[in-house]
Amino acid sequence: MTLSALPDLPPRLRGRHTSLPSGRWAGRLREDPADFGPGGGRLRRWYYVAAGGEQASVGAAVVDLGVLAVSFAWALIGARTLTWQRRIPLGRGAWVGAVPDGGAGALRRGQQVVLHADGSLELDVPTDAGRLRASVTTHHDVTPAVLVTRTPNIGWNVTQKSAGTAVEGWVRVGDGPRTPLGMGASGWRDWTAGRQDRATTWRWAAGGGWCENGQRVGLNASTGMNGRELGEDVVWWEGIPYGLSVAHLRPADELDAEGAWDVGGPGWSLHLDPAGFRSEDLRIGPLVSRYVQPIGRFEGTLPGPEGTARRVWLSGVTEDHEAKW
């Protein structure tokens, strides 16, 4: 079956509908979803940026929950995983743009996380193994995919995803040498805003890399967050987003979310072999965030634009997340 390229995002979503517009498009969101999404419930925003190649991977995020912001970073160098996280009461010194072009950041003396709109990043934070520094520059971006949808109960979710960007960069720990991301380095990112359901669970897979014929490819797949409405399952070929049919997204062993994962659909299948993972069990008053995020390499097949399965290799992550917020 031939894949369908996503339709162009309308110039304006606000004012075109009497209720929340629902759809999946290709383009850049330039309107604050808070202006056209229904009120009620806490507005949440986050921006996650990551990139990886044959030698190293790195990622960071800023999450604005209203009364609290959280920033985290991670790096995978070979089989060594480094992590950092900071809780920020009232979000002081942290921001997530009202639109994706606003980027995100968290700044404090001795700590710096800066995430740019195109997926570039600068990172300088302390870890138990020494300071973690990283720099990633995006050279060839992709056309983002935008999803606007209701959540399973009474909430709504707006997200802009990109994957398969061509990048270069490096990671450094303490006084050690800079480790380049390596050959075939590729980036992926997730900007999200919404008034999601109070109790939300989701699984996610994302990454970027290359096809056996040398084409750039990116992946984003998710279950749970958006209920049964149109999902955020997208594959990028040479920067163009196509709708993807996903049948399963799960750990290879349901009792081991830190281990290998499988994601697939009609005629295609990917297997994530993790080299490391990050996890959290955050409980602050009514806020709960429990997740496991394996980090590694996907190998397998994805459908090309004509529908034929193509062999691919991607750096990426999966995630199993439960939140009460």
C-alpha atoms as a PDB file:
ATOM      1  CA  MET A   1       0.000   0.000   0.000  1.00  0.00           C
ATOM      2  CA  THR A   2       1.391   3.418  -1.000  1.00  0.00           C
ATOM      3  CA  LEU A   3       1.935   5.793   1.920  1.00  0.00           C
ATOM      4  CA  SER A   4       0.112   9.127   1.923  1.00  0.00           C
ATOM      5  CA  ALA A   5       2.108  12.311   2.481  1.00  0.00           C
ATOM      6  CA  LEU A   6       0.474  14.433   5.170  1.00  0.00           C
ATOM      7  CA  PRO A   7      -1.610  17.379   3.889  1.00  0.00           C
ATOM      8  CA  ASP A   8      -0.298  20.905   4.395  1.00  0.00           C
ATOM      9  CA  LEU A   9      -1.095  22.589   7.699  1.00  0.00           C
ATOM     10  CA  PRO A  10      -3.692  25.374   7.209  1.00  0.00           C
ATOM     11  CA  PRO A  11      -2.274  28.894   7.699  1.00  0.00           C
ATOM     12  CA  ARG A  12      -4.579  29.387  10.685  1.00  0.00           C
ATOM     13  CA  LEU A  13      -6.320  26.884  12.935  1.00  0.00           C
ATOM     14  CA  ARG A  14      -7.682  29.413  15.421  1.00  0.00           C
ATOM     15  CA  GLY A  15     -10.953  30.886  14.254  1.00  0.00           C
ATOM     16  CA  ARG A  16     -11.572  28.219  11.615  1.00  0.00           C
ATOM     17  CA  HIS A  17     -13.583  25.993  13.935  1.00  0.00           C
ATOM     18  CA  THR A  18     -16.204  26.363  16.648  1.00  0.00           C
ATOM     19  CA  SER A  19     -14.517  23.501  18.534  1.00  0.00           C
ATOM     20  CA  LEU A  20     -11.023  22.090  18.735  1.00  0.00           C
ATOM     21  CA  PRO A  21      -9.844  21.279  15.201  1.00  0.00           C
ATOM     22  CA  SER A  22      -8.794  17.675  14.760  1.00  0.00           C
ATOM     23  CA  GLY A  23      -6.266  16.562  12.194  1.00  0.00           C
ATOM     24  CA  ARG A  24      -2.732  15.624  11.245  1.00  0.00           C
ATOM     25  CA  TRP A  25      -0.780  17.868   8.919  1.00  0.00           C
ATOM     26  CA  ALA A  26       2.680  18.679   7.554  1.00  0.00           C
ATOM     27  CA  GLY A  27       4.032  22.099   8.487  1.00  0.00           C
ATOM     28  CA  ARG A  28       5.095  24.353  11.332  1.00  0.00           C
ATOM     29  CA  LEU A  29       2.643  25.362  14.030  1.00  0.00           C
ATOM     30  CA  ARG A  30       2.806  29.141  14.488  1.00  0.00           C
ATOM     31  CA  GLU A  31      -0.198  29.587  16.794  1.00  0.00           C
ATOM     32  CA  ASP A  32      -0.336  29.070  20.553  1.00  0.00           C
ATOM     33  CA  PRO A  33      -2.708  26.099  21.063  1.00  0.00           C
ATOM     34  CA  ALA A  34      -3.937  27.689  24.290  1.00  0.00           C
ATOM     35  CA  ASP A  35      -5.690  30.274  22.088  1.00  0.00           C
ATOM     36  CA  PHE A  36      -7.906  27.717  20.347  1.00  0.00           C
ATOM     37  CA  GLY A  37      -7.979  24.741  22.716  1.00  0.00           C
ATOM     38  CA  PRO A  38     -10.810  24.473  25.289  1.00  0.00           C
ATOM     39  CA  GLY A  39     -10.127  25.781  28.783  1.00  0.00           C
ATOM     40  CA  GLY A  40     -10.335  23.763  31.982  1.00  0.00           C
ATOM     41  CA  GLY A  41      -7.527  21.765  33.508  1.00  0.00           C
ATOM     42  CA  ARG A  42      -3.864  22.633  33.732  1.00  0.00           C
ATOM     43  CA  LEU A  43      -2.002  23.647  30.587  1.00  0.00           C
ATOM     44  CA  ARG A  44       1.217  21.679  30.132  1.00  0.00           C
ATOM     45  CA  ARG A  45       4.030  22.139  27.631  1.00  0.00           C
ATOM     46  CA  TRP A  46       7.258  20.312  26.942  1.00  0.00           C
ATOM     47  CA  TYR A  47      10.068  20.216  24.430  1.00  0.00           C
ATOM     48  CA  TYR A  48      12.338  17.213  23.999  1.00  0.00           C
ATOM     49  CA  VAL A  49      15.354  17.175  21.659  1.00  0.00           C
ATOM     50  CA  ALA A  50      17.695  14.246  20.973  1.00  0.00           C
ATOM     51  CA  ALA A  51      20.227  13.045  18.434  1.00  0.00           C
ATOM     52  CA  GLY A  52      22.426  10.020  17.948  1.00  0.00           C
ATOM     53  CA  GLY A  53      24.933   8.304  15.701  1.00  0.00           C
ATOM     54  CA  GLU A  54      27.259   5.304  15.727  1.00  0.00           C
ATOM     55  CA  GLN A  55      29.393   6.532  18.648  1.00  0.00           C
ATOM     56  CA  ALA A  56      27.126   8.524  20.960  1.00  0.00           C
ATOM     57  CA  SER A  57      23.615   9.814  21.568  1.00  0.00           C
ATOM     58  CA  VAL A  58      22.395  12.742  23.642  1.00  0.00           C
ATOM     59  CA  GLY A  59      19.045  14.241  24.608  1.00  0.00           C
ATOM     60  CA  ALA A  60      17.456  16.828  26.864  1.00  0.00           C
ATOM     61  CA  ALA A  61      14.037  18.247  27.681  1.00  0.00           C
ATOM     62  CA  VAL A  62      12.227  20.978  29.559  1.00  0.00           C
ATOM     63  CA  VAL A  63       8.757  20.154  30.908  1.00  0.00           C
ATOM     64  CA  ASP A  64       6.445  22.940  32.164  1.00  0.00           C
ATOM     65  CA  LEU A  65       3.686  21.555  34.409  1.00  0.00           C
ATOM     66  CA  GLY A  66       2.525  24.966  35.623  1.00  0.00           C
ATOM     67  CA  VAL A  67       3.364  24.770  39.327  1.00  0.00           C
ATOM     68  CA  LEU A  68       6.556  22.880  38.600  1.00  0.00           C
ATOM     69  CA  ALA A  69       9.036  22.571  35.762  1.00  0.00           C
ATOM     70  CA  VAL A  70      11.427  19.694  35.226  1.00  0.00           C
ATOM     71  CA  SER A  71      14.531  19.642  33.059  1.00  0.00           C
ATOM     72  CA  PHE A  72      16.555  16.545  32.306  1.00  0.00           C
ATOM     73  CA  ALA A  73      19.430  15.437  30.100  1.00  0.00           C
ATOM     74  CA  TRP A  74      21.062  12.173  29.166  1.00  0.00           C
ATOM     75  CA  ALA A  75      23.938  10.893  27.102  1.00  0.00           C
ATOM     76  CA  LEU A  76      24.847   7.452  25.838  1.00  0.00           C
ATOM     77  CA  ILE A  77      28.523   6.964  24.981  1.00  0.00           C
ATOM     78  CA  GLY A  78      29.125   3.394  23.900  1.00  0.00           C
ATOM     79  CA  ALA A  79      27.447   1.386  26.655  1.00  0.00           C
ATOM     80  CA  ARG A  80      27.830   4.160  29.267  1.00  0.00           C
ATOM     81  CA  THR A  81      24.720   6.135  30.227  1.00  0.00           C
ATOM     82  CA  LEU A  82      24.863   9.486  32.048  1.00  0.00           C
ATOM     83  CA  THR A  83      21.806  11.312  33.364  1.00  0.00           C
ATOM     84  CA  TRP A  84      20.931  14.614  35.024  1.00  0.00           C
ATOM     85  CA  GLN A  85      17.631  16.009  36.243  1.00  0.00           C
ATOM     86  CA  ARG A  86      16.458  19.143  38.030  1.00  0.00           C
ATOM     87  CA  ARG A  87      13.071  20.011  39.536  1.00  0.00           C
ATOM     88  CA  ILE A  88      12.286  23.709  39.245  1.00  0.00           C
ATOM     89  CA  PRO A  89       9.576  25.108  41.571  1.00  0.00           C
ATOM     90  CA  LEU A  90       7.330  27.566  39.711  1.00  0.00           C
ATOM     91  CA  GLY A  91       9.545  27.111  36.669  1.00  0.00           C
ATOM     92  CA  ARG A  92      12.030  29.816  37.651  1.00  0.00           C
ATOM     93  CA  GLY A  93      14.745  30.085  35.009  1.00  0.00           C
ATOM     94  CA  ALA A  94      12.995  27.622  32.702  1.00  0.00           C
ATOM     95  CA  TRP A  95      10.798  28.143  29.666  1.00  0.00           C
ATOM     96  CA  VAL A  96       9.029  26.262  26.904  1.00  0.00           C
ATOM     97  CA  GLY A  97       7.963  28.319  23.903  1.00  0.00           C
ATOM     98  CA  ALA A  98       4.240  28.940  23.357  1.00  0.00           C
ATOM     99  CA  VAL A  99       4.929  27.732  19.803  1.00  0.00           C
ATOM    100  CA  PRO A 100       7.632  25.288  18.654  1.00  0.00           C
ATOM    101  CA  ASP A 101       9.756  28.071  17.159  1.00  0.00           C
ATOM    102  CA  GLY A 102      10.183  29.410  20.718  1.00  0.00           C
ATOM    103  CA  GLY A 103      12.443  26.509  21.695  1.00  0.00           C
ATOM    104  CA  ALA A 104      13.043  25.827  25.393  1.00  0.00           C
ATOM    105  CA  GLY A 105      15.669  26.148  28.065  1.00  0.00           C
ATOM    106  CA  ALA A 106      16.609  25.894  31.714  1.00  0.00           C
ATOM    107  CA  LEU A 107      19.349  28.156  33.047  1.00  0.00           C
ATOM    108  CA  ARG A 108      20.917  28.304  36.464  1.00  0.00           C
ATOM    109  CA  ARG A 109      24.420  29.024  37.680  1.00  0.00           C
ATOM    110  CA  GLY A 110      26.455  25.980  36.720  1.00  0.00           C
ATOM    111  CA  GLN A 111      23.628  24.415  34.694  1.00  0.00           C
ATOM    112  CA  GLN A 112      22.620  25.123  31.112  1.00  0.00           C
ATOM    113  CA  VAL A 113      20.100  23.442  28.835  1.00  0.00           C
ATOM    114  CA  VAL A 114      19.228  25.278  25.607  1.00  0.00           C
ATOM    115  CA  LEU A 115      17.006  23.612  23.009  1.00  0.00           C
ATOM    116  CA  HIS A 116      16.564  25.372  19.674  1.00  0.00           C
ATOM    117  CA  ALA A 117      13.591  25.217  17.341  1.00  0.00           C
ATOM    118  CA  ASP A 118      15.494  23.289  14.655  1.00  0.00           C
ATOM    119  CA  GLY A 119      16.637  20.545  17.045  1.00  0.00           C
ATOM    120  CA  SER A 120      20.088  21.989  17.785  1.00  0.00           C
ATOM    121  CA  LEU A 121      21.082  21.972  21.466  1.00  0.00           C
ATOM    122  CA  GLU A 122      23.704  23.110  23.959  1.00  0.00           C
ATOM    123  CA  LEU A 123      24.154  21.284  27.213  1.00  0.00           C
ATOM    124  CA  ASP A 124      26.364  21.812  30.282  1.00  0.00           C
ATOM    125  CA  VAL A 125      25.174  20.093  33.474  1.00  0.00           C
ATOM    126  CA  PRO A 126      26.697  18.213  36.425  1.00  0.00           C
ATOM    127  CA  THR A 127      26.496  14.424  36.745  1.00  0.00           C
ATOM    128  CA  ASP A 128      28.011  11.885  39.156  1.00  0.00           C
ATOM    129  CA  ALA A 129      30.654  11.115  36.522  1.00  0.00           C
ATOM    130  CA  GLY A 130      31.596  14.758  35.952  1.00  0.00           C
ATOM    131  CA  ARG A 131      30.189  17.596  33.908  1.00  0.00           C
ATOM    132  CA  LEU A 132      28.199  16.532  30.893  1.00  0.00           C
ATOM    133  CA  ARG A 133      28.692  18.896  27.975  1.00  0.00           C
ATOM    134  CA  ALA A 134      27.247  18.497  24.513  1.00  0.00           C
ATOM    135  CA  SER A 135      26.594  20.442  21.359  1.00  0.00           C
ATOM    136  CA  VAL A 136      24.416  19.373  18.425  1.00  0.00           C
ATOM    137  CA  THR A 137      23.874  21.348  15.220  1.00  0.00           C
ATOM    138  CA  THR A 138      21.127  20.582  12.716  1.00  0.00           C
ATOM    139  CA  HIS A 139      22.235  20.887   9.086  1.00  0.00           C
ATOM    140  CA  HIS A 140      19.211  19.575   7.192  1.00  0.00           C
ATOM    141  CA  ASP A 141      15.849  19.840   8.905  1.00  0.00           C
ATOM    142  CA  VAL A 142      12.648  18.024   7.976  1.00  0.00           C
ATOM    143  CA  THR A 143       9.055  19.152   7.513  1.00  0.00           C
ATOM    144  CA  PRO A 144       7.398  18.653  10.926  1.00  0.00           C
ATOM    145  CA  ALA A 145       4.195  16.733  11.517  1.00  0.00           C
ATOM    146  CA  VAL A 146       1.478  18.459  13.582  1.00  0.00           C
ATOM    147  CA  LEU A 147      -1.312  16.592  15.362  1.00  0.00           C
ATOM    148  CA  VAL A 148      -4.335  18.235  17.008  1.00  0.00           C
ATOM    149  CA  THR A 149      -6.652  15.840  18.817  1.00  0.00           C
ATOM    150  CA  ARG A 150      -8.855  15.150  21.806  1.00  0.00           C
ATOM    151  CA  THR A 151      -7.556  12.860  24.545  1.00  0.00           C
ATOM    152  CA  PRO A 152      -9.507   9.790  25.751  1.00  0.00           C
ATOM    153  CA  ASN A 153     -11.520  11.706  28.358  1.00  0.00           C
ATOM    154  CA  ILE A 154     -12.147  15.472  28.217  1.00  0.00           C
ATOM    155  CA  GLY A 155      -8.691  16.837  27.446  1.00  0.00           C
ATOM    156  CA  TRP A 156      -6.866  17.844  24.280  1.00  0.00           C
ATOM    157  CA  ASN A 157      -3.363  17.516  22.917  1.00  0.00           C
ATOM    158  CA  VAL A 158      -1.376  19.407  20.274  1.00  0.00           C
ATOM    159  CA  THR A 159       2.038  18.143  19.251  1.00  0.00           C
ATOM    160  CA  GLN A 160       4.655  18.913  16.615  1.00  0.00           C
ATOM    161  CA  LYS A 161       7.097  16.098  15.905  1.00  0.00           C
ATOM    162  CA  SER A 162      10.198  15.912  13.696  1.00  0.00           C
ATOM    163  CA  ALA A 163      12.567  13.000  13.060  1.00  0.00           C
ATOM    164  CA  GLY A 164      15.328  12.143  10.646  1.00  0.00           C
ATOM    165  CA  THR A 165      17.122  15.507  10.692  1.00  0.00           C
ATOM    166  CA  ALA A 166      20.761  15.483   9.554  1.00  0.00           C
ATOM    167  CA  VAL A 167      22.967  16.631  12.445  1.00  0.00           C
ATOM    168  CA  GLU A 168      26.502  16.653  13.746  1.00  0.00           C
ATOM    169  CA  GLY A 169      27.708  17.101  17.286  1.00  0.00           C
ATOM    170  CA  TRP A 170      29.756  15.863  20.208  1.00  0.00           C
ATOM    171  CA  VAL A 171      29.489  14.819  23.852  1.00  0.00           C
ATOM    172  CA  ARG A 172      32.099  15.329  26.584  1.00  0.00           C
ATOM    173  CA  VAL A 173      32.257  14.010  30.155  1.00  0.00           C
ATOM    174  CA  GLY A 174      34.424  15.792  32.724  1.00  0.00           C
ATOM    175  CA  ASP A 175      37.921  16.478  31.413  1.00  0.00           C
ATOM    176  CA  GLY A 176      37.695  13.693  28.856  1.00  0.00           C
ATOM    177  CA  PRO A 177      37.857  14.124  25.091  1.00  0.00           C
ATOM    178  CA  ARG A 178      34.939  15.115  22.924  1.00  0.00           C
ATOM    179  CA  THR A 179      33.173  12.063  21.539  1.00  0.00           C
ATOM    180  CA  PRO A 180      31.510  12.808  18.197  1.00  0.00           C
ATOM    181  CA  LEU A 181      28.019  11.444  17.612  1.00  0.00           C
ATOM    182  CA  GLY A 182      29.555   9.615  14.694  1.00  0.00           C
ATOM    183  CA  MET A 183      28.615   8.578  11.192  1.00  0.00           C
ATOM    184  CA  GLY A 184      24.980   8.788  10.217  1.00  0.00           C
ATOM    185  CA  ALA A 185      24.049  11.091  13.108  1.00  0.00           C
ATOM    186  CA  SER A 186      20.372  11.997  13.064  1.00  0.00           C
ATOM    187  CA  GLY A 187      18.005  13.958  15.308  1.00  0.00           C
ATOM    188  CA  TRP A 188      14.429  13.791  16.545  1.00  0.00           C
ATOM    189  CA  ARG A 189      12.313  16.145  18.647  1.00  0.00           C
ATOM    190  CA  ASP A 190       8.908  16.555  20.313  1.00  0.00           C
ATOM    191  CA  TRP A 191       7.130  19.819  21.162  1.00  0.00           C
ATOM    192  CA  THR A 192       3.791  19.268  22.921  1.00  0.00           C
ATOM    193  CA  ALA A 193       1.160  21.446  24.582  1.00  0.00           C
ATOM    194  CA  GLY A 194      -2.277  20.609  25.915  1.00  0.00           C
ATOM    195  CA  ARG A 195      -4.675  20.035  28.744  1.00  0.00           C
ATOM    196  CA  GLN A 196      -4.208  16.289  28.817  1.00  0.00           C
ATOM    197  CA  ASP A 197      -6.254  13.962  31.013  1.00  0.00           C
ATOM    198  CA  ARG A 198      -5.438  13.986  34.730  1.00  0.00           C
ATOM    199  CA  ALA A 199      -4.335  10.338  34.485  1.00  0.00           C
ATOM    200  CA  THR A 200      -2.476   9.613  31.259  1.00  0.00           C
ATOM    201  CA  THR A 201      -0.419   6.642  30.114  1.00  0.00           C
ATOM    202  CA  TRP A 202       1.439   6.307  26.864  1.00  0.00           C
ATOM    203  CA  ARG A 203       4.107   4.437  24.964  1.00  0.00           C
ATOM    204  CA  TRP A 204       6.374   6.205  22.501  1.00  0.00           C
ATOM    205  CA  ALA A 205       9.059   5.381  19.978  1.00  0.00           C
ATOM    206  CA  ALA A 206      11.140   7.905  18.040  1.00  0.00           C
ATOM    207  CA  GLY A 207      14.422   8.073  16.204  1.00  0.00           C
ATOM    208  CA  GLY A 208      16.290   8.944  13.066  1.00  0.00           C
ATOM    209  CA  GLY A 209      18.802   7.330  10.772  1.00  0.00           C
ATOM    210  CA  TRP A 210      19.313   5.893   7.337  1.00  0.00           C
ATOM    211  CA  CYS A 211      17.913   3.438   4.827  1.00  0.00           C
ATOM    212  CA  GLU A 212      20.014   0.865   3.013  1.00  0.00           C
ATOM    213  CA  ASN A 213      19.767   2.996  -0.141  1.00  0.00           C
ATOM    214  CA  GLY A 214      21.261   6.019   1.650  1.00  0.00           C
ATOM    215  CA  GLN A 215      18.031   7.969   2.205  1.00  0.00           C
ATOM    216  CA  ARG A 216      17.403   9.781   5.483  1.00  0.00           C
ATOM    217  CA  VAL A 217      14.526   8.336   7.512  1.00  0.00           C
ATOM    218  CA  GLY A 218      12.768   9.281  10.764  1.00  0.00           C
ATOM    219  CA  LEU A 219      10.121   7.652  12.960  1.00  0.00           C
ATOM    220  CA  ASN A 220       7.575   8.760  15.536  1.00  0.00           C
ATOM    221  CA  ALA A 221       4.978   6.370  16.968  1.00  0.00           C
ATOM    222  CA  SER A 222       2.802   6.561  20.068  1.00  0.00           C
ATOM    223  CA  THR A 223      -0.097   4.844  21.805  1.00  0.00           C
ATOM    224  CA  GLY A 224      -2.277   5.962  24.708  1.00  0.00           C
ATOM    225  CA  MET A 225      -1.919   9.745  24.839  1.00  0.00           C
ATOM    226  CA  ASN A 226      -4.363  10.478  22.037  1.00  0.00           C
ATOM    227  CA  GLY A 227      -6.900   7.726  22.636  1.00  0.00           C
ATOM    228  CA  ARG A 228      -8.537   6.208  19.576  1.00  0.00           C
ATOM    229  CA  GLU A 229      -8.525   9.369  17.508  1.00  0.00           C
ATOM    230  CA  LEU A 230      -6.017  10.095  14.758  1.00  0.00           C
ATOM    231  CA  GLY A 231      -2.550   9.311  16.078  1.00  0.00           C
ATOM    232  CA  GLU A 232       0.936  10.760  15.768  1.00  0.00           C
ATOM    233  CA  ASP A 233       2.357   7.796  13.858  1.00  0.00           C
ATOM    234  CA  VAL A 234       4.596   9.212  11.136  1.00  0.00           C
ATOM    235  CA  VAL A 235       7.579   8.137   9.021  1.00  0.00           C
ATOM    236  CA  TRP A 236       9.816  10.713   7.325  1.00  0.00           C
ATOM    237  CA  TRP A 237      11.555   9.957   4.030  1.00  0.00           C
ATOM    238  CA  GLU A 238      14.108  12.549   2.971  1.00  0.00           C
ATOM    239  CA  GLY A 239      12.369  15.090   5.212  1.00  0.00           C
ATOM    240  CA  ILE A 240       8.777  14.490   4.000  1.00  0.00           C
ATOM    241  CA  PRO A 241       6.281  13.157   6.598  1.00  0.00           C
ATOM    242  CA  TYR A 242       3.931  10.289   5.700  1.00  0.00           C
ATOM    243  CA  GLY A 243       1.150   8.756   7.783  1.00  0.00           C
ATOM    244  CA  LEU A 244       2.153   5.379   9.210  1.00  0.00           C
ATOM    245  CA  SER A 245       0.025   2.420  10.303  1.00  0.00           C
ATOM    246  CA  VAL A 246       1.271   1.049  13.646  1.00  0.00           C
ATOM    247  CA  ALA A 247      -0.121  -2.223  14.990  1.00  0.00           C
ATOM    248  CA  HIS A 248       2.085  -2.746  18.038  1.00  0.00           C
ATOM    249  CA  LEU A 249       4.517  -0.787  20.220  1.00  0.00           C
ATOM    250  CA  ARG A 250       5.696  -2.771  23.226  1.00  0.00           C
ATOM    251  CA  PRO A 251       8.597  -4.294  25.156  1.00  0.00           C
ATOM    252  CA  ALA A 252       9.730  -7.611  23.708  1.00  0.00           C
ATOM    253  CA  ASP A 253       9.136  -8.910  27.240  1.00  0.00           C
ATOM    254  CA  GLU A 254       6.222  -7.080  28.873  1.00  0.00           C
ATOM    255  CA  LEU A 255       7.857  -7.648  32.269  1.00  0.00           C
ATOM    256  CA  ASP A 256      11.068  -5.923  31.181  1.00  0.00           C
ATOM    257  CA  ALA A 257      10.369  -2.390  29.904  1.00  0.00           C
ATOM    258  CA  GLU A 258      14.100  -1.589  30.288  1.00  0.00           C
ATOM    259  CA  GLY A 259      15.004  -4.208  27.695  1.00  0.00           C
ATOM    260  CA  ALA A 260      14.395  -4.669  23.978  1.00  0.00           C
ATOM    261  CA  TRP A 261      11.295  -3.234  22.288  1.00  0.00           C
ATOM    262  CA  ASP A 262       9.359  -4.060  19.131  1.00  0.00           C
ATOM    263  CA  VAL A 263       7.333  -1.683  17.000  1.00  0.00           C
ATOM    264  CA  GLY A 264       5.644  -2.635  13.765  1.00  0.00           C
ATOM    265  CA  GLY A 265       2.680  -2.581  11.453  1.00  0.00           C
ATOM    266  CA  PRO A 266       1.414  -4.195   8.256  1.00  0.00           C
ATOM    267  CA  GLY A 267       4.467  -5.478   6.380  1.00  0.00           C
ATOM    268  CA  TRP A 268       7.139  -3.783   8.528  1.00  0.00           C
ATOM    269  CA  SER A 269       8.869  -4.314  11.860  1.00  0.00           C
ATOM    270  CA  LEU A 270      11.580  -2.642  13.964  1.00  0.00           C
ATOM    271  CA  HIS A 271      13.479  -3.956  16.962  1.00  0.00           C
ATOM    272  CA  LEU A 272      15.178  -1.669  19.484  1.00  0.00           C
ATOM    273  CA  ASP A 273      18.282  -3.118  21.106  1.00  0.00           C
ATOM    274  CA  PRO A 274      18.999  -0.787  24.052  1.00  0.00           C
ATOM    275  CA  ALA A 275      22.504   0.131  25.124  1.00  0.00           C
ATOM    276  CA  GLY A 276      21.200   2.005  28.168  1.00  0.00           C
ATOM    277  CA  PHE A 277      18.101   3.544  29.677  1.00  0.00           C
ATOM    278  CA  ARG A 278      16.853   6.282  31.929  1.00  0.00           C
ATOM    279  CA  SER A 279      13.953   6.020  34.355  1.00  0.00           C
ATOM    280  CA  GLU A 280      12.121   7.989  37.024  1.00  0.00           C
ATOM    281  CA  ASP A 281       9.541   7.529  39.756  1.00  0.00           C
ATOM    282  CA  LEU A 282       8.592  11.124  40.632  1.00  0.00           C
ATOM    283  CA  ARG A 283       5.972  11.820  43.316  1.00  0.00           C
ATOM    284  CA  ILE A 284       5.373  15.379  44.489  1.00  0.00           C
ATOM    285  CA  GLY A 285       1.979  15.882  46.142  1.00  0.00           C
ATOM    286  CA  PRO A 286      -0.650  15.017  43.517  1.00  0.00           C
ATOM    287  CA  LEU A 287       1.950  14.819  40.737  1.00  0.00           C
ATOM    288  CA  VAL A 288       3.164  11.373  39.692  1.00  0.00           C
ATOM    289  CA  SER A 289       5.492  10.571  36.798  1.00  0.00           C
ATOM    290  CA  ARG A 290       6.767   7.026  36.359  1.00  0.00           C
ATOM    291  CA  TYR A 291       8.583   6.030  33.226  1.00  0.00           C
ATOM    292  CA  VAL A 292      11.288   3.916  31.646  1.00  0.00           C
ATOM    293  CA  GLN A 293      13.042   5.126  28.484  1.00  0.00           C
ATOM    294  CA  PRO A 294      15.434   2.662  26.775  1.00  0.00           C
ATOM    295  CA  ILE A 295      18.031   4.253  24.483  1.00  0.00           C
ATOM    296  CA  GLY A 296      19.691   2.442  21.622  1.00  0.00           C
ATOM    297  CA  ARG A 297      19.447   1.431  17.986  1.00  0.00           C
ATOM    298  CA  PHE A 298      16.451   0.357  15.915  1.00  0.00           C
ATOM    299  CA  GLU A 299      17.041  -2.171  13.160  1.00  0.00           C
ATOM    300  CA  GLY A 300      14.507  -3.673  10.794  1.00  0.00           C
ATOM    301  CA  THR A 301      12.184  -2.366   8.121  1.00  0.00           C
ATOM    302  CA  LEU A 302       9.931   0.629   7.517  1.00  0.00           C
ATOM    303  CA  PRO A 303       7.562   1.121   4.576  1.00  0.00           C
ATOM    304  CA  GLY A 304       8.878   3.419   1.853  1.00  0.00           C
ATOM    305  CA  PRO A 305       6.608   5.973   0.172  1.00  0.00           C
ATOM    306  CA  GLU A 306       5.564   3.325  -2.348  1.00  0.00           C
ATOM    307  CA  GLY A 307       4.657   0.958   0.524  1.00  0.00           C
ATOM    308  CA  THR A 308       7.487  -1.542   0.053  1.00  0.00           C
ATOM    309  CA  ALA A 309       9.407  -2.434   3.211  1.00  0.00           C
ATOM    310  CA  ARG A 310      12.948  -1.019   3.275  1.00  0.00           C
ATOM    311  CA  ARG A 311      15.769  -1.985   5.615  1.00  0.00           C
ATOM    312  CA  VAL A 312      16.723   0.809   8.033  1.00  0.00           C
ATOM    313  CA  TRP A 313      18.983   1.599  10.981  1.00  0.00           C
ATOM    314  CA  LEU A 314      17.996   4.357  13.442  1.00  0.00           C
ATOM    315  CA  SER A 315      19.296   5.809  16.687  1.00  0.00           C
ATOM    316  CA  GLY A 316      16.347   6.303  18.995  1.00  0.00           C
ATOM    317  CA  VAL A 317      14.354   5.750  22.146  1.00  0.00           C
ATOM    318  CA  THR A 318      11.214   4.083  23.384  1.00  0.00           C
ATOM    319  CA  GLU A 319       9.213   4.997  26.461  1.00  0.00           C
ATOM    320  CA  ASP A 320       6.625   3.520  28.813  1.00  0.00           C
ATOM    321  CA  HIS A 321       5.100   6.369  30.854  1.00  0.00           C
ATOM    322  CA  GLU A 322       2.388   6.753  33.497  1.00  0.00           C
ATOM    323  CA  ALA A 323       1.499  10.258  34.667  1.00  0.00           C
ATOM    324  CA  LYS A 324      -0.979  11.770  37.125  1.00  0.00           C
ATOM    325  CA  TRP A 325      -0.806  15.527  36.814  1.00  0.00           C
END
